[in-house]
Amino acid sequence: MTWVTIGRLEDIPVRGARCVDTPEGRIAVFRTADNRVFAMEDSCPHKRGPLSQGIVHGTSVTCPLHNWVISLESGSAQGADVGQVRTMAVRNDNGTLLLDLAELRIAAE
């Protein structure tokens, strides 16, 4: 793993997101209401909408373009929608956020 510091937890609003540009592309880093953090491509599998501008609820985000719901844990579209967003490991080390730039991955379902 290649961990890189990307900021602080307080840099991300509760139930919101911030983006990080990486060699792999634009990554959205999300913060849930209970301060868990998740990272994934900032692109909905449906029409490439910016997930970072969506609404975070529980461990999901709703795309602002067409209301697709994406799991922050797996990157999978929920409900009747089908699609996948690649995720990245992110770690909260006493408020400092680190992103694993080694690889984006698709969770096996």
N, C-alpha and C. Protein backbone atom coordinates (compact mmCIF):
# COMPACT_ATOMS: atom_id res chain seq x y z
N MET A 1 0.83 -1.18 0.00
CA MET A 1 0.00 0.00 0.00
C MET A 1 0.88 1.25 0.00
N THR A 2 0.38 2.27 -0.67
CA THR A 2 1.08 3.55 -0.75
C THR A 2 0.18 4.62 -0.14
N TRP A 3 0.34 4.87 1.16
CA TRP A 3 -0.51 5.82 1.86
C TRP A 3 0.01 7.24 1.69
N VAL A 4 -0.89 8.16 1.32
CA VAL A 4 -0.56 9.56 1.11
C VAL A 4 -1.53 10.40 1.93
N THR A 5 -1.01 11.36 2.69
CA THR A 5 -1.85 12.26 3.46
C THR A 5 -2.61 13.19 2.52
N ILE A 6 -3.93 13.28 2.73
CA ILE A 6 -4.75 14.12 1.85
C ILE A 6 -5.46 15.24 2.59
N GLY A 7 -5.35 15.30 3.91
CA GLY A 7 -6.00 16.37 4.66
C GLY A 7 -6.44 15.89 6.02
N ARG A 8 -7.36 16.64 6.60
CA ARG A 8 -7.88 16.35 7.93
C ARG A 8 -9.37 16.02 7.84
N LEU A 9 -9.85 15.26 8.78
CA LEU A 9 -11.26 14.89 8.82
C LEU A 9 -12.14 16.14 8.82
N GLU A 10 -11.75 17.16 9.58
CA GLU A 10 -12.57 18.37 9.67
C GLU A 10 -12.61 19.16 8.37
N ASP A 11 -11.76 18.81 7.39
CA ASP A 11 -11.81 19.46 6.08
C ASP A 11 -13.03 19.03 5.26
N ILE A 12 -13.64 17.92 5.67
CA ILE A 12 -14.80 17.38 4.96
C ILE A 12 -16.04 17.61 5.82
N PRO A 13 -17.06 18.26 5.28
CA PRO A 13 -18.27 18.46 6.08
C PRO A 13 -18.95 17.14 6.41
N VAL A 14 -19.61 17.09 7.56
CA VAL A 14 -20.38 15.90 7.93
C VAL A 14 -21.43 15.67 6.85
N ARG A 15 -21.53 14.40 6.39
CA ARG A 15 -22.42 14.00 5.29
C ARG A 15 -22.11 14.75 4.01
N GLY A 16 -20.82 14.99 3.78
CA GLY A 16 -20.38 15.69 2.58
C GLY A 16 -19.16 15.02 1.99
N ALA A 17 -18.51 15.72 1.04
CA ALA A 17 -17.36 15.16 0.34
C ALA A 17 -16.40 16.26 -0.08
N ARG A 18 -15.19 15.87 -0.33
CA ARG A 18 -14.17 16.71 -0.95
C ARG A 18 -13.47 15.84 -1.98
N CYS A 19 -12.87 16.46 -2.97
CA CYS A 19 -12.20 15.72 -4.04
C CYS A 19 -10.69 15.87 -3.96
N VAL A 20 -10.02 14.82 -4.42
CA VAL A 20 -8.56 14.79 -4.49
C VAL A 20 -8.20 14.35 -5.91
N ASP A 21 -7.34 15.10 -6.57
CA ASP A 21 -6.87 14.68 -7.89
C ASP A 21 -5.65 13.79 -7.70
N THR A 22 -5.68 12.61 -8.31
CA THR A 22 -4.60 11.63 -8.19
C THR A 22 -4.17 11.19 -9.58
N PRO A 23 -3.07 10.47 -9.69
CA PRO A 23 -2.68 9.92 -10.99
C PRO A 23 -3.73 8.97 -11.56
N GLU A 24 -4.59 8.44 -10.70
CA GLU A 24 -5.65 7.53 -11.13
C GLU A 24 -6.93 8.28 -11.52
N GLY A 25 -6.95 9.59 -11.33
CA GLY A 25 -8.14 10.38 -11.63
C GLY A 25 -8.66 11.08 -10.40
N ARG A 26 -9.84 11.67 -10.54
CA ARG A 26 -10.46 12.43 -9.45
C ARG A 26 -11.14 11.48 -8.48
N ILE A 27 -10.77 11.58 -7.20
CA ILE A 27 -11.31 10.72 -6.16
C ILE A 27 -12.13 11.56 -5.20
N ALA A 28 -13.35 11.11 -4.91
CA ALA A 28 -14.21 11.77 -3.92
C ALA A 28 -14.00 11.07 -2.58
N VAL A 29 -13.78 11.87 -1.54
CA VAL A 29 -13.63 11.35 -0.19
C VAL A 29 -14.84 11.82 0.61
N PHE A 30 -15.60 10.87 1.14
CA PHE A 30 -16.87 11.14 1.80
C PHE A 30 -16.74 10.97 3.32
N ARG A 31 -17.52 11.76 4.05
CA ARG A 31 -17.60 11.65 5.52
C ARG A 31 -19.05 11.42 5.88
N THR A 32 -19.30 10.37 6.64
CA THR A 32 -20.66 10.05 7.05
C THR A 32 -21.01 10.79 8.34
N ALA A 33 -22.26 10.69 8.76
CA ALA A 33 -22.72 11.34 9.98
C ALA A 33 -21.99 10.83 11.21
N ASP A 34 -21.51 9.57 11.16
CA ASP A 34 -20.78 9.02 12.30
C ASP A 34 -19.26 9.07 12.09
N ASN A 35 -18.82 9.97 11.21
CA ASN A 35 -17.40 10.28 10.97
C ASN A 35 -16.59 9.15 10.34
N ARG A 36 -17.25 8.22 9.66
CA ARG A 36 -16.50 7.25 8.87
C ARG A 36 -16.16 7.90 7.54
N VAL A 37 -15.06 7.49 6.94
CA VAL A 37 -14.63 8.06 5.66
C VAL A 37 -14.52 6.95 4.61
N PHE A 38 -14.89 7.30 3.38
CA PHE A 38 -14.86 6.39 2.25
C PHE A 38 -14.32 7.15 1.05
N ALA A 39 -13.69 6.44 0.12
CA ALA A 39 -13.16 7.08 -1.08
C ALA A 39 -13.51 6.25 -2.31
N MET A 40 -13.88 6.96 -3.38
CA MET A 40 -14.21 6.29 -4.65
C MET A 40 -14.07 7.28 -5.79
N GLU A 41 -14.10 6.75 -7.00
CA GLU A 41 -14.08 7.63 -8.17
C GLU A 41 -15.24 8.62 -8.07
N ASP A 42 -15.00 9.83 -8.53
CA ASP A 42 -16.03 10.87 -8.47
C ASP A 42 -16.87 10.85 -9.74
N SER A 43 -17.41 9.68 -10.07
CA SER A 43 -18.11 9.52 -11.33
C SER A 43 -19.15 8.41 -11.22
N CYS A 44 -20.41 8.79 -11.32
CA CYS A 44 -21.50 7.82 -11.25
C CYS A 44 -21.42 6.85 -12.44
N PRO A 45 -21.70 5.56 -12.23
CA PRO A 45 -21.64 4.61 -13.35
C PRO A 45 -22.75 4.81 -14.39
N HIS A 46 -23.76 5.61 -14.07
CA HIS A 46 -24.88 5.81 -14.99
C HIS A 46 -24.53 6.81 -16.09
N LYS A 47 -24.37 8.07 -15.74
CA LYS A 47 -24.09 9.12 -16.73
C LYS A 47 -22.89 9.97 -16.33
N ARG A 48 -22.05 9.40 -15.46
CA ARG A 48 -20.80 10.06 -15.03
C ARG A 48 -21.03 11.32 -14.19
N GLY A 49 -22.15 11.40 -13.50
CA GLY A 49 -22.42 12.53 -12.62
C GLY A 49 -21.41 12.62 -11.49
N PRO A 50 -21.16 13.83 -10.96
CA PRO A 50 -20.18 14.02 -9.90
C PRO A 50 -20.73 13.57 -8.54
N LEU A 51 -20.35 12.39 -8.11
CA LEU A 51 -20.86 11.85 -6.85
C LEU A 51 -20.52 12.75 -5.66
N SER A 52 -19.40 13.46 -5.74
CA SER A 52 -19.00 14.35 -4.64
C SER A 52 -20.02 15.45 -4.40
N GLN A 53 -20.90 15.71 -5.35
CA GLN A 53 -21.92 16.74 -5.20
C GLN A 53 -23.27 16.14 -4.78
N GLY A 54 -23.26 14.83 -4.52
CA GLY A 54 -24.49 14.15 -4.14
C GLY A 54 -24.77 14.26 -2.65
N ILE A 55 -25.89 13.66 -2.25
CA ILE A 55 -26.32 13.66 -0.85
C ILE A 55 -25.86 12.37 -0.20
N VAL A 56 -25.11 12.51 0.92
CA VAL A 56 -24.64 11.35 1.69
C VAL A 56 -25.70 11.02 2.73
N HIS A 57 -26.09 9.75 2.77
CA HIS A 57 -27.07 9.27 3.75
C HIS A 57 -26.66 7.87 4.16
N GLY A 58 -26.47 7.68 5.45
CA GLY A 58 -25.97 6.39 5.94
C GLY A 58 -24.62 6.11 5.32
N THR A 59 -24.49 4.97 4.67
CA THR A 59 -23.25 4.62 3.97
C THR A 59 -23.47 4.59 2.47
N SER A 60 -24.30 5.54 2.00
CA SER A 60 -24.58 5.66 0.57
C SER A 60 -24.51 7.13 0.15
N VAL A 61 -24.38 7.33 -1.16
CA VAL A 61 -24.47 8.68 -1.73
C VAL A 61 -25.43 8.60 -2.91
N THR A 62 -26.26 9.64 -3.04
CA THR A 62 -27.19 9.72 -4.16
C THR A 62 -26.64 10.68 -5.19
N CYS A 63 -26.50 10.21 -6.42
CA CYS A 63 -25.97 11.02 -7.51
C CYS A 63 -26.89 12.22 -7.76
N PRO A 64 -26.31 13.41 -7.93
CA PRO A 64 -27.15 14.60 -8.13
C PRO A 64 -27.83 14.67 -9.49
N LEU A 65 -27.40 13.86 -10.45
CA LEU A 65 -28.01 13.95 -11.79
C LEU A 65 -29.30 13.16 -11.93
N HIS A 66 -29.27 11.89 -11.57
CA HIS A 66 -30.43 11.03 -11.83
C HIS A 66 -30.82 10.17 -10.64
N ASN A 67 -30.36 10.56 -9.44
CA ASN A 67 -30.77 9.91 -8.19
C ASN A 67 -30.35 8.45 -8.03
N TRP A 68 -29.31 8.03 -8.72
CA TRP A 68 -28.80 6.69 -8.47
C TRP A 68 -28.18 6.68 -7.08
N VAL A 69 -28.39 5.61 -6.34
CA VAL A 69 -27.82 5.47 -5.00
C VAL A 69 -26.64 4.50 -5.09
N ILE A 70 -25.48 4.97 -4.60
CA ILE A 70 -24.24 4.20 -4.68
C ILE A 70 -23.76 3.90 -3.25
N SER A 71 -23.41 2.65 -2.98
CA SER A 71 -22.86 2.26 -1.69
C SER A 71 -21.46 2.83 -1.53
N LEU A 72 -21.21 3.55 -0.42
CA LEU A 72 -19.87 4.05 -0.16
C LEU A 72 -18.93 2.92 0.23
N GLU A 73 -19.47 1.84 0.75
CA GLU A 73 -18.66 0.70 1.18
C GLU A 73 -18.15 -0.13 0.01
N SER A 74 -19.01 -0.40 -0.96
CA SER A 74 -18.63 -1.30 -2.05
C SER A 74 -18.50 -0.61 -3.41
N GLY A 75 -19.11 0.56 -3.56
CA GLY A 75 -19.13 1.23 -4.86
C GLY A 75 -20.23 0.74 -5.77
N SER A 76 -21.08 -0.16 -5.29
CA SER A 76 -22.15 -0.75 -6.12
C SER A 76 -23.39 0.12 -6.14
N ALA A 77 -24.04 0.16 -7.30
CA ALA A 77 -25.35 0.80 -7.41
C ALA A 77 -26.35 -0.01 -6.60
N GLN A 78 -27.29 0.67 -5.97
CA GLN A 78 -28.27 0.01 -5.10
C GLN A 78 -29.62 -0.08 -5.79
N GLY A 79 -30.49 -0.88 -5.23
CA GLY A 79 -31.84 -1.03 -5.77
C GLY A 79 -31.82 -1.74 -7.11
N ALA A 80 -32.65 -1.27 -8.02
CA ALA A 80 -32.77 -1.91 -9.34
C ALA A 80 -31.66 -1.48 -10.30
N ASP A 81 -30.90 -0.43 -9.93
CA ASP A 81 -29.84 0.06 -10.81
C ASP A 81 -28.63 -0.87 -10.77
N VAL A 82 -27.93 -0.94 -11.90
CA VAL A 82 -26.76 -1.82 -12.00
C VAL A 82 -25.56 -1.00 -12.44
N GLY A 83 -24.47 -1.15 -11.73
CA GLY A 83 -23.24 -0.45 -12.06
C GLY A 83 -22.30 -0.46 -10.88
N GLN A 84 -21.08 -0.06 -11.13
CA GLN A 84 -20.04 -0.13 -10.10
C GLN A 84 -19.11 1.06 -10.22
N VAL A 85 -18.69 1.60 -9.09
CA VAL A 85 -17.69 2.65 -9.01
C VAL A 85 -16.47 2.05 -8.32
N ARG A 86 -15.29 2.32 -8.83
CA ARG A 86 -14.09 1.80 -8.17
C ARG A 86 -13.85 2.57 -6.87
N THR A 87 -13.47 1.84 -5.83
CA THR A 87 -13.22 2.43 -4.53
C THR A 87 -11.73 2.41 -4.22
N MET A 88 -11.34 3.17 -3.21
CA MET A 88 -9.97 3.27 -2.75
C MET A 88 -9.96 3.19 -1.24
N ALA A 89 -8.93 2.59 -0.69
CA ALA A 89 -8.81 2.54 0.76
C ALA A 89 -8.47 3.93 1.29
N VAL A 90 -9.14 4.31 2.38
CA VAL A 90 -8.85 5.58 3.05
C VAL A 90 -8.80 5.28 4.54
N ARG A 91 -7.91 5.95 5.23
CA ARG A 91 -7.69 5.69 6.64
C ARG A 91 -7.75 7.00 7.42
N ASN A 92 -8.37 6.96 8.59
CA ASN A 92 -8.42 8.10 9.49
C ASN A 92 -7.45 7.82 10.63
N ASP A 93 -6.34 8.53 10.66
CA ASP A 93 -5.32 8.34 11.69
C ASP A 93 -5.34 9.54 12.63
N ASN A 94 -6.19 9.45 13.67
CA ASN A 94 -6.35 10.55 14.64
C ASN A 94 -6.71 11.87 13.97
N GLY A 95 -7.59 11.82 12.99
CA GLY A 95 -8.05 13.03 12.31
C GLY A 95 -7.31 13.35 11.03
N THR A 96 -6.17 12.72 10.79
CA THR A 96 -5.44 12.89 9.53
C THR A 96 -5.91 11.82 8.57
N LEU A 97 -6.32 12.22 7.37
CA LEU A 97 -6.82 11.27 6.38
C LEU A 97 -5.71 10.87 5.42
N LEU A 98 -5.60 9.57 5.20
CA LEU A 98 -4.61 9.02 4.28
C LEU A 98 -5.33 8.18 3.23
N LEU A 99 -4.90 8.32 1.99
CA LEU A 99 -5.49 7.61 0.87
C LEU A 99 -4.46 6.63 0.33
N ASP A 100 -4.90 5.41 0.03
CA ASP A 100 -4.01 4.41 -0.55
C ASP A 100 -4.00 4.58 -2.06
N LEU A 101 -2.92 5.14 -2.59
CA LEU A 101 -2.82 5.38 -4.02
C LEU A 101 -2.34 4.17 -4.81
N ALA A 102 -2.13 3.05 -4.14
CA ALA A 102 -1.60 1.86 -4.82
C ALA A 102 -2.55 1.35 -5.90
N GLU A 103 -3.85 1.40 -5.62
CA GLU A 103 -4.79 0.89 -6.62
C GLU A 103 -6.22 1.27 -6.29
N LEU A 104 -6.99 1.39 -7.33
CA LEU A 104 -8.44 1.45 -7.19
C LEU A 104 -8.93 0.03 -7.31
N ARG A 105 -10.01 -0.29 -6.63
CA ARG A 105 -10.47 -1.67 -6.70
C ARG A 105 -11.97 -1.73 -6.85
N ILE A 106 -12.43 -2.84 -7.37
CA ILE A 106 -13.85 -3.10 -7.48
C ILE A 106 -14.15 -4.24 -6.51
N ALA A 107 -15.09 -4.01 -5.61
CA ALA A 107 -15.43 -5.00 -4.61
C ALA A 107 -16.15 -6.18 -5.26
N ALA A 108 -15.80 -7.38 -4.84
CA ALA A 108 -16.48 -8.57 -5.33
C ALA A 108 -17.79 -8.69 -4.57
N GLU A 109 -18.83 -8.96 -5.27
CA GLU A 109 -20.14 -9.08 -4.61
C GLU A 109 -20.56 -10.52 -4.59
